[in-house]
């Protein structure tokens, strides 16, 4: 259920921002253009304070969000569902703990989660799917993601993915270990870099 909405001028254009409260979870929809028609761009994006606000170099989250917003503007319509799910759902406190394990024990994010006795990904997509239903999204979409779990969630909800577009990001020495772990251990659709 949408509780509040507003129009907000962003670097990418004026977007409609809505707060969705669903059961015990919540998320935002960030909408540009008429998403009830055509094949809108869609992304489910998980919050990343360090990457988005502090411009951390070890992840590509900010670049993924930025690339998607630009793509939506060029395409003419689309939505980002912004899910409050730091660290693949473990929360900011545990994310800091995981980052310290990665740093001190020289392991990747998946191994750090194992050391913490946590699953590699705690997210579920009930709230984002509920938000997409709230905004009357067109049935056929262009989905911007590399995450097979997000792709499955969209398809299981009855949406037809006409095309999957991985977000465009720069590969660096800082973010490559995370991308390697995502591809090799979590099955992400990452083909734009040779990962060994």
C-alpha atoms as a PDB file:
ATOM      1  CA  UNK A   1       0.000   0.000   0.000  1.00  0.00           C
ATOM      2  CA  UNK A   2       1.316   3.442  -0.931  1.00  0.00           C
ATOM      3  CA  UNK A   3       1.270   5.706   2.111  1.00  0.00           C
ATOM      4  CA  UNK A   4       2.869   8.857   0.676  1.00  0.00           C
ATOM      5  CA  UNK A   5       4.086  10.116  -2.718  1.00  0.00           C
ATOM      6  CA  UNK A   6       5.796  13.205  -4.081  1.00  0.00           C
ATOM      7  CA  UNK A   7       7.477  14.474  -7.218  1.00  0.00           C
ATOM      8  CA  UNK A   8      11.197  15.010  -6.764  1.00  0.00           C
ATOM      9  CA  UNK A   9      13.587  16.703  -9.210  1.00  0.00           C
ATOM     10  CA  UNK A  10      16.680  14.512  -9.535  1.00  0.00           C
ATOM     11  CA  UNK A  11      19.840  14.733 -11.590  1.00  0.00           C
ATOM     12  CA  UNK A  12      18.124  12.357 -14.043  1.00  0.00           C
ATOM     13  CA  UNK A  13      14.801  14.206 -14.295  1.00  0.00           C
ATOM     14  CA  UNK A  14      11.663  14.555 -12.172  1.00  0.00           C
ATOM     15  CA  UNK A  15      10.635  11.226 -10.645  1.00  0.00           C
ATOM     16  CA  UNK A  16       7.630  10.230  -8.565  1.00  0.00           C
ATOM     17  CA  UNK A  17       8.807   8.835  -5.223  1.00  0.00           C
ATOM     18  CA  UNK A  18       6.361   6.673  -3.238  1.00  0.00           C
ATOM     19  CA  UNK A  19       6.658   4.926   0.110  1.00  0.00           C
ATOM     20  CA  UNK A  20       5.154   1.426   0.146  1.00  0.00           C
ATOM     21  CA  UNK A  21       4.254  -0.283   3.418  1.00  0.00           C
ATOM     22  CA  UNK A  22       3.565  -3.986   3.053  1.00  0.00           C
ATOM     23  CA  UNK A  23       3.018  -6.246   6.080  1.00  0.00           C
ATOM     24  CA  UNK A  24       6.173  -5.857   8.187  1.00  0.00           C
ATOM     25  CA  UNK A  25       8.379  -4.490   5.398  1.00  0.00           C
ATOM     26  CA  UNK A  26       8.608  -1.338   3.309  1.00  0.00           C
ATOM     27  CA  UNK A  27      10.358   0.017   0.227  1.00  0.00           C
ATOM     28  CA  UNK A  28      10.316   2.926  -2.201  1.00  0.00           C
ATOM     29  CA  UNK A  29       9.256   3.158  -5.813  1.00  0.00           C
ATOM     30  CA  UNK A  30      11.081   5.718  -7.947  1.00  0.00           C
ATOM     31  CA  UNK A  31       9.043   6.154 -11.141  1.00  0.00           C
ATOM     32  CA  UNK A  32       9.674   8.046 -14.361  1.00  0.00           C
ATOM     33  CA  UNK A  33       7.092   8.333 -17.130  1.00  0.00           C
ATOM     34  CA  UNK A  34       4.027   6.168 -17.700  1.00  0.00           C
ATOM     35  CA  UNK A  35       4.986   2.682 -16.515  1.00  0.00           C
ATOM     36  CA  UNK A  36       1.569   1.210 -17.267  1.00  0.00           C
ATOM     37  CA  UNK A  37       2.358   1.120 -21.006  1.00  0.00           C
ATOM     38  CA  UNK A  38       5.041  -0.326 -23.261  1.00  0.00           C
ATOM     39  CA  UNK A  39       7.979  -2.168 -21.740  1.00  0.00           C
ATOM     40  CA  UNK A  40       9.265  -0.064 -18.861  1.00  0.00           C
ATOM     41  CA  UNK A  41      12.743  -0.446 -17.410  1.00  0.00           C
ATOM     42  CA  UNK A  42      12.578  -2.134 -13.971  1.00  0.00           C
ATOM     43  CA  UNK A  43      15.211  -2.614 -11.300  1.00  0.00           C
ATOM     44  CA  UNK A  44      14.943  -3.897  -7.741  1.00  0.00           C
ATOM     45  CA  UNK A  45      17.827  -2.175  -5.974  1.00  0.00           C
ATOM     46  CA  UNK A  46      19.048  -2.989  -2.480  1.00  0.00           C
ATOM     47  CA  UNK A  47      20.263  -0.157  -0.299  1.00  0.00           C
ATOM     48  CA  UNK A  48      24.025   0.284   0.083  1.00  0.00           C
ATOM     49  CA  UNK A  49      24.967   3.169   2.346  1.00  0.00           C
ATOM     50  CA  UNK A  50      28.709   2.809   1.893  1.00  0.00           C
ATOM     51  CA  UNK A  51      28.581   2.548  -1.889  1.00  0.00           C
ATOM     52  CA  UNK A  52      25.829   5.088  -2.586  1.00  0.00           C
ATOM     53  CA  UNK A  53      26.385   7.795   0.025  1.00  0.00           C
ATOM     54  CA  UNK A  54      30.066   7.360   0.888  1.00  0.00           C
ATOM     55  CA  UNK A  55      31.226   6.232  -2.586  1.00  0.00           C
ATOM     56  CA  UNK A  56      32.941   3.103  -1.281  1.00  0.00           C
ATOM     57  CA  UNK A  57      35.156   1.539  -3.912  1.00  0.00           C
ATOM     58  CA  UNK A  58      34.641  -2.122  -3.004  1.00  0.00           C
ATOM     59  CA  UNK A  59      31.200  -2.500  -4.579  1.00  0.00           C
ATOM     60  CA  UNK A  60      29.364  -1.434  -7.720  1.00  0.00           C
ATOM     61  CA  UNK A  61      26.012  -0.540  -6.112  1.00  0.00           C
ATOM     62  CA  UNK A  62      26.179   3.209  -6.750  1.00  0.00           C
ATOM     63  CA  UNK A  63      27.185   2.630 -10.367  1.00  0.00           C
ATOM     64  CA  UNK A  64      24.322   0.161 -10.870  1.00  0.00           C
ATOM     65  CA  UNK A  65      21.774   2.627  -9.492  1.00  0.00           C
ATOM     66  CA  UNK A  66      23.188   5.552 -11.467  1.00  0.00           C
ATOM     67  CA  UNK A  67      23.314   3.550 -14.721  1.00  0.00           C
ATOM     68  CA  UNK A  68      19.712   2.405 -14.242  1.00  0.00           C
ATOM     69  CA  UNK A  69      18.387   5.904 -13.556  1.00  0.00           C
ATOM     70  CA  UNK A  70      20.102   7.210 -16.702  1.00  0.00           C
ATOM     71  CA  UNK A  71      18.744   4.280 -18.714  1.00  0.00           C
ATOM     72  CA  UNK A  72      15.199   4.929 -17.462  1.00  0.00           C
ATOM     73  CA  UNK A  73      15.432   8.581 -18.506  1.00  0.00           C
ATOM     74  CA  UNK A  74      16.699   7.679 -21.995  1.00  0.00           C
ATOM     75  CA  UNK A  75      14.091   4.931 -22.373  1.00  0.00           C
ATOM     76  CA  UNK A  76      11.261   7.260 -21.347  1.00  0.00           C
ATOM     77  CA  UNK A  77       9.674   5.185 -18.586  1.00  0.00           C
ATOM     78  CA  UNK A  78      10.708   2.907 -15.767  1.00  0.00           C
ATOM     79  CA  UNK A  79      10.932   2.275 -12.061  1.00  0.00           C
ATOM     80  CA  UNK A  80      13.537   1.500  -9.458  1.00  0.00           C
ATOM     81  CA  UNK A  81      12.213  -0.293  -6.410  1.00  0.00           C
ATOM     82  CA  UNK A  82      14.548   0.695  -3.594  1.00  0.00           C
ATOM     83  CA  UNK A  83      14.647  -2.082  -1.023  1.00  0.00           C
ATOM     84  CA  UNK A  84      16.049  -1.455   2.458  1.00  0.00           C
ATOM     85  CA  UNK A  85      18.265  -4.549   2.531  1.00  0.00           C
ATOM     86  CA  UNK A  86      21.841  -3.619   3.429  1.00  0.00           C
ATOM     87  CA  UNK A  87      24.426  -6.341   2.956  1.00  0.00           C
ATOM     88  CA  UNK A  88      22.099  -8.714   1.099  1.00  0.00           C
ATOM     89  CA  UNK A  89      19.648  -8.422   3.972  1.00  0.00           C
ATOM     90  CA  UNK A  90      21.912  -8.753   7.042  1.00  0.00           C
ATOM     91  CA  UNK A  91      21.649  -5.076   8.000  1.00  0.00           C
ATOM     92  CA  UNK A  92      24.232  -2.349   8.444  1.00  0.00           C
ATOM     93  CA  UNK A  93      25.637  -3.564  11.777  1.00  0.00           C
ATOM     94  CA  UNK A  94      26.332  -7.079  10.523  1.00  0.00           C
ATOM     95  CA  UNK A  95      27.552  -5.690   7.202  1.00  0.00           C
ATOM     96  CA  UNK A  96      30.290  -3.787   9.032  1.00  0.00           C
ATOM     97  CA  UNK A  97      31.219  -6.987  10.847  1.00  0.00           C
ATOM     98  CA  UNK A  98      31.363  -8.890   7.544  1.00  0.00           C
ATOM     99  CA  UNK A  99      33.530  -6.196   5.952  1.00  0.00           C
ATOM    100  CA  UNK A 100      35.991  -6.436   8.835  1.00  0.00           C
ATOM    101  CA  UNK A 101      36.156 -10.223   8.466  1.00  0.00           C
ATOM    102  CA  UNK A 102      36.802  -9.777   4.754  1.00  0.00           C
ATOM    103  CA  UNK A 103      39.525  -7.239   5.438  1.00  0.00           C
ATOM    104  CA  UNK A 104      41.335  -9.072   8.218  1.00  0.00           C
ATOM    105  CA  UNK A 105      40.912 -12.667   7.057  1.00  0.00           C
ATOM    106  CA  UNK A 106      41.334 -11.944   3.324  1.00  0.00           C
ATOM    107  CA  UNK A 107      38.105 -13.702   2.328  1.00  0.00           C
ATOM    108  CA  UNK A 108      35.277 -12.732   0.004  1.00  0.00           C
ATOM    109  CA  UNK A 109      31.813 -11.680   1.091  1.00  0.00           C
ATOM    110  CA  UNK A 110      30.309 -15.174   0.769  1.00  0.00           C
ATOM    111  CA  UNK A 111      33.050 -16.672   2.949  1.00  0.00           C
ATOM    112  CA  UNK A 112      32.641 -13.875   5.504  1.00  0.00           C
ATOM    113  CA  UNK A 113      28.923 -14.659   5.766  1.00  0.00           C
ATOM    114  CA  UNK A 114      29.779 -18.352   6.323  1.00  0.00           C
ATOM    115  CA  UNK A 115      32.175 -17.427   9.131  1.00  0.00           C
ATOM    116  CA  UNK A 116      29.305 -15.444  10.679  1.00  0.00           C
ATOM    117  CA  UNK A 117      26.959 -18.455  10.276  1.00  0.00           C
ATOM    118  CA  UNK A 118      24.734 -16.490   7.924  1.00  0.00           C
ATOM    119  CA  UNK A 119      23.269 -17.520   4.562  1.00  0.00           C
ATOM    120  CA  UNK A 120      24.830 -15.800   1.554  1.00  0.00           C
ATOM    121  CA  UNK A 121      21.624 -13.827   0.890  1.00  0.00           C
ATOM    122  CA  UNK A 122      18.813 -13.156   3.378  1.00  0.00           C
ATOM    123  CA  UNK A 123      16.664 -11.000   1.101  1.00  0.00           C
ATOM    124  CA  UNK A 124      13.159 -11.787  -0.001  1.00  0.00           C
ATOM    125  CA  UNK A 125      11.284  -9.782  -2.575  1.00  0.00           C
ATOM    126  CA  UNK A 126       7.739  -9.708  -1.214  1.00  0.00           C
ATOM    127  CA  UNK A 127       7.789  -5.958  -0.553  1.00  0.00           C
ATOM    128  CA  UNK A 128       9.318  -5.007  -3.943  1.00  0.00           C
ATOM    129  CA  UNK A 129       6.810  -7.211  -5.787  1.00  0.00           C
ATOM    130  CA  UNK A 130       3.997  -5.704  -3.728  1.00  0.00           C
ATOM    131  CA  UNK A 131       5.232  -2.229  -4.672  1.00  0.00           C
ATOM    132  CA  UNK A 132       5.288  -3.141  -8.376  1.00  0.00           C
ATOM    133  CA  UNK A 133       1.689  -4.317  -8.055  1.00  0.00           C
ATOM    134  CA  UNK A 134       0.763  -1.068  -6.251  1.00  0.00           C
ATOM    135  CA  UNK A 135       1.950   1.070  -9.157  1.00  0.00           C
ATOM    136  CA  UNK A 136       0.155  -0.926 -11.879  1.00  0.00           C
ATOM    137  CA  UNK A 137       3.352  -1.751 -13.751  1.00  0.00           C
ATOM    138  CA  UNK A 138       2.961  -3.000 -17.321  1.00  0.00           C
ATOM    139  CA  UNK A 139       3.104  -6.790 -17.565  1.00  0.00           C
ATOM    140  CA  UNK A 140       6.103  -6.979 -19.927  1.00  0.00           C
ATOM    141  CA  UNK A 141       9.308  -5.305 -18.744  1.00  0.00           C
ATOM    142  CA  UNK A 142      12.988  -4.791 -19.435  1.00  0.00           C
ATOM    143  CA  UNK A 143      14.706  -5.925 -16.248  1.00  0.00           C
ATOM    144  CA  UNK A 144      18.009  -4.425 -15.139  1.00  0.00           C
ATOM    145  CA  UNK A 145      19.804  -6.942 -12.944  1.00  0.00           C
ATOM    146  CA  UNK A 146      22.515  -9.571 -12.705  1.00  0.00           C
ATOM    147  CA  UNK A 147      20.864 -11.360  -9.778  1.00  0.00           C
ATOM    148  CA  UNK A 148      19.111 -14.650 -10.631  1.00  0.00           C
ATOM    149  CA  UNK A 149      16.985 -14.444  -7.456  1.00  0.00           C
ATOM    150  CA  UNK A 150      15.551 -11.076  -8.487  1.00  0.00           C
ATOM    151  CA  UNK A 151      14.874 -12.372 -11.998  1.00  0.00           C
ATOM    152  CA  UNK A 152      13.037 -15.382 -10.548  1.00  0.00           C
ATOM    153  CA  UNK A 153      11.008 -13.174  -8.175  1.00  0.00           C
ATOM    154  CA  UNK A 154       9.815 -10.982 -11.057  1.00  0.00           C
ATOM    155  CA  UNK A 155       8.891 -13.976 -13.202  1.00  0.00           C
ATOM    156  CA  UNK A 156       7.199 -15.808 -10.310  1.00  0.00           C
ATOM    157  CA  UNK A 157       5.070 -12.697  -9.763  1.00  0.00           C
ATOM    158  CA  UNK A 158       3.729 -13.046 -13.312  1.00  0.00           C
ATOM    159  CA  UNK A 159       5.734 -10.353 -15.067  1.00  0.00           C
ATOM    160  CA  UNK A 160       7.206 -11.154 -18.475  1.00  0.00           C
ATOM    161  CA  UNK A 161      10.847 -10.174 -18.910  1.00  0.00           C
ATOM    162  CA  UNK A 162      11.354  -9.244 -22.549  1.00  0.00           C
ATOM    163  CA  UNK A 163      15.029  -8.455 -21.986  1.00  0.00           C
ATOM    164  CA  UNK A 164      17.559  -8.634 -19.154  1.00  0.00           C
ATOM    165  CA  UNK A 165      20.076  -5.806 -19.171  1.00  0.00           C
ATOM    166  CA  UNK A 166      22.958  -6.016 -16.740  1.00  0.00           C
ATOM    167  CA  UNK A 167      23.736  -2.535 -15.386  1.00  0.00           C
ATOM    168  CA  UNK A 168      26.859  -0.921 -16.819  1.00  0.00           C
ATOM    169  CA  UNK A 169      29.656  -0.608 -14.247  1.00  0.00           C
ATOM    170  CA  UNK A 170      33.382   0.020 -14.252  1.00  0.00           C
ATOM    171  CA  UNK A 171      35.451  -2.952 -13.136  1.00  0.00           C
ATOM    172  CA  UNK A 172      38.284  -1.979 -10.791  1.00  0.00           C
ATOM    173  CA  UNK A 173      40.818  -3.696  -8.567  1.00  0.00           C
ATOM    174  CA  UNK A 174      38.633  -2.681  -5.609  1.00  0.00           C
ATOM    175  CA  UNK A 175      35.293  -4.130  -6.767  1.00  0.00           C
ATOM    176  CA  UNK A 176      36.537  -7.128  -8.764  1.00  0.00           C
ATOM    177  CA  UNK A 177      36.695  -9.507  -5.732  1.00  0.00           C
ATOM    178  CA  UNK A 178      33.019  -8.822  -4.988  1.00  0.00           C
ATOM    179  CA  UNK A 179      32.043  -9.350  -8.627  1.00  0.00           C
ATOM    180  CA  UNK A 180      34.013 -12.615  -8.763  1.00  0.00           C
ATOM    181  CA  UNK A 181      32.221 -13.883  -5.632  1.00  0.00           C
ATOM    182  CA  UNK A 182      28.825 -12.865  -7.054  1.00  0.00           C
ATOM    183  CA  UNK A 183      29.479 -14.642 -10.356  1.00  0.00           C
ATOM    184  CA  UNK A 184      31.227 -17.791  -9.138  1.00  0.00           C
ATOM    185  CA  UNK A 185      29.438 -18.373  -5.811  1.00  0.00           C
ATOM    186  CA  UNK A 186      26.020 -16.738  -6.197  1.00  0.00           C
ATOM    187  CA  UNK A 187      25.352 -17.329  -9.890  1.00  0.00           C
ATOM    188  CA  UNK A 188      25.098 -13.679 -10.930  1.00  0.00           C
ATOM    189  CA  UNK A 189      24.929 -13.001 -14.670  1.00  0.00           C
ATOM    190  CA  UNK A 190      28.219 -11.134 -14.944  1.00  0.00           C
ATOM    191  CA  UNK A 191      29.758 -11.452 -18.401  1.00  0.00           C
ATOM    192  CA  UNK A 192      31.403  -8.082 -18.929  1.00  0.00           C
ATOM    193  CA  UNK A 193      34.717  -9.021 -17.306  1.00  0.00           C
ATOM    194  CA  UNK A 194      36.941 -12.073 -17.310  1.00  0.00           C
ATOM    195  CA  UNK A 195      36.543 -13.519 -13.843  1.00  0.00           C
ATOM    196  CA  UNK A 196      38.940 -16.225 -12.727  1.00  0.00           C
END
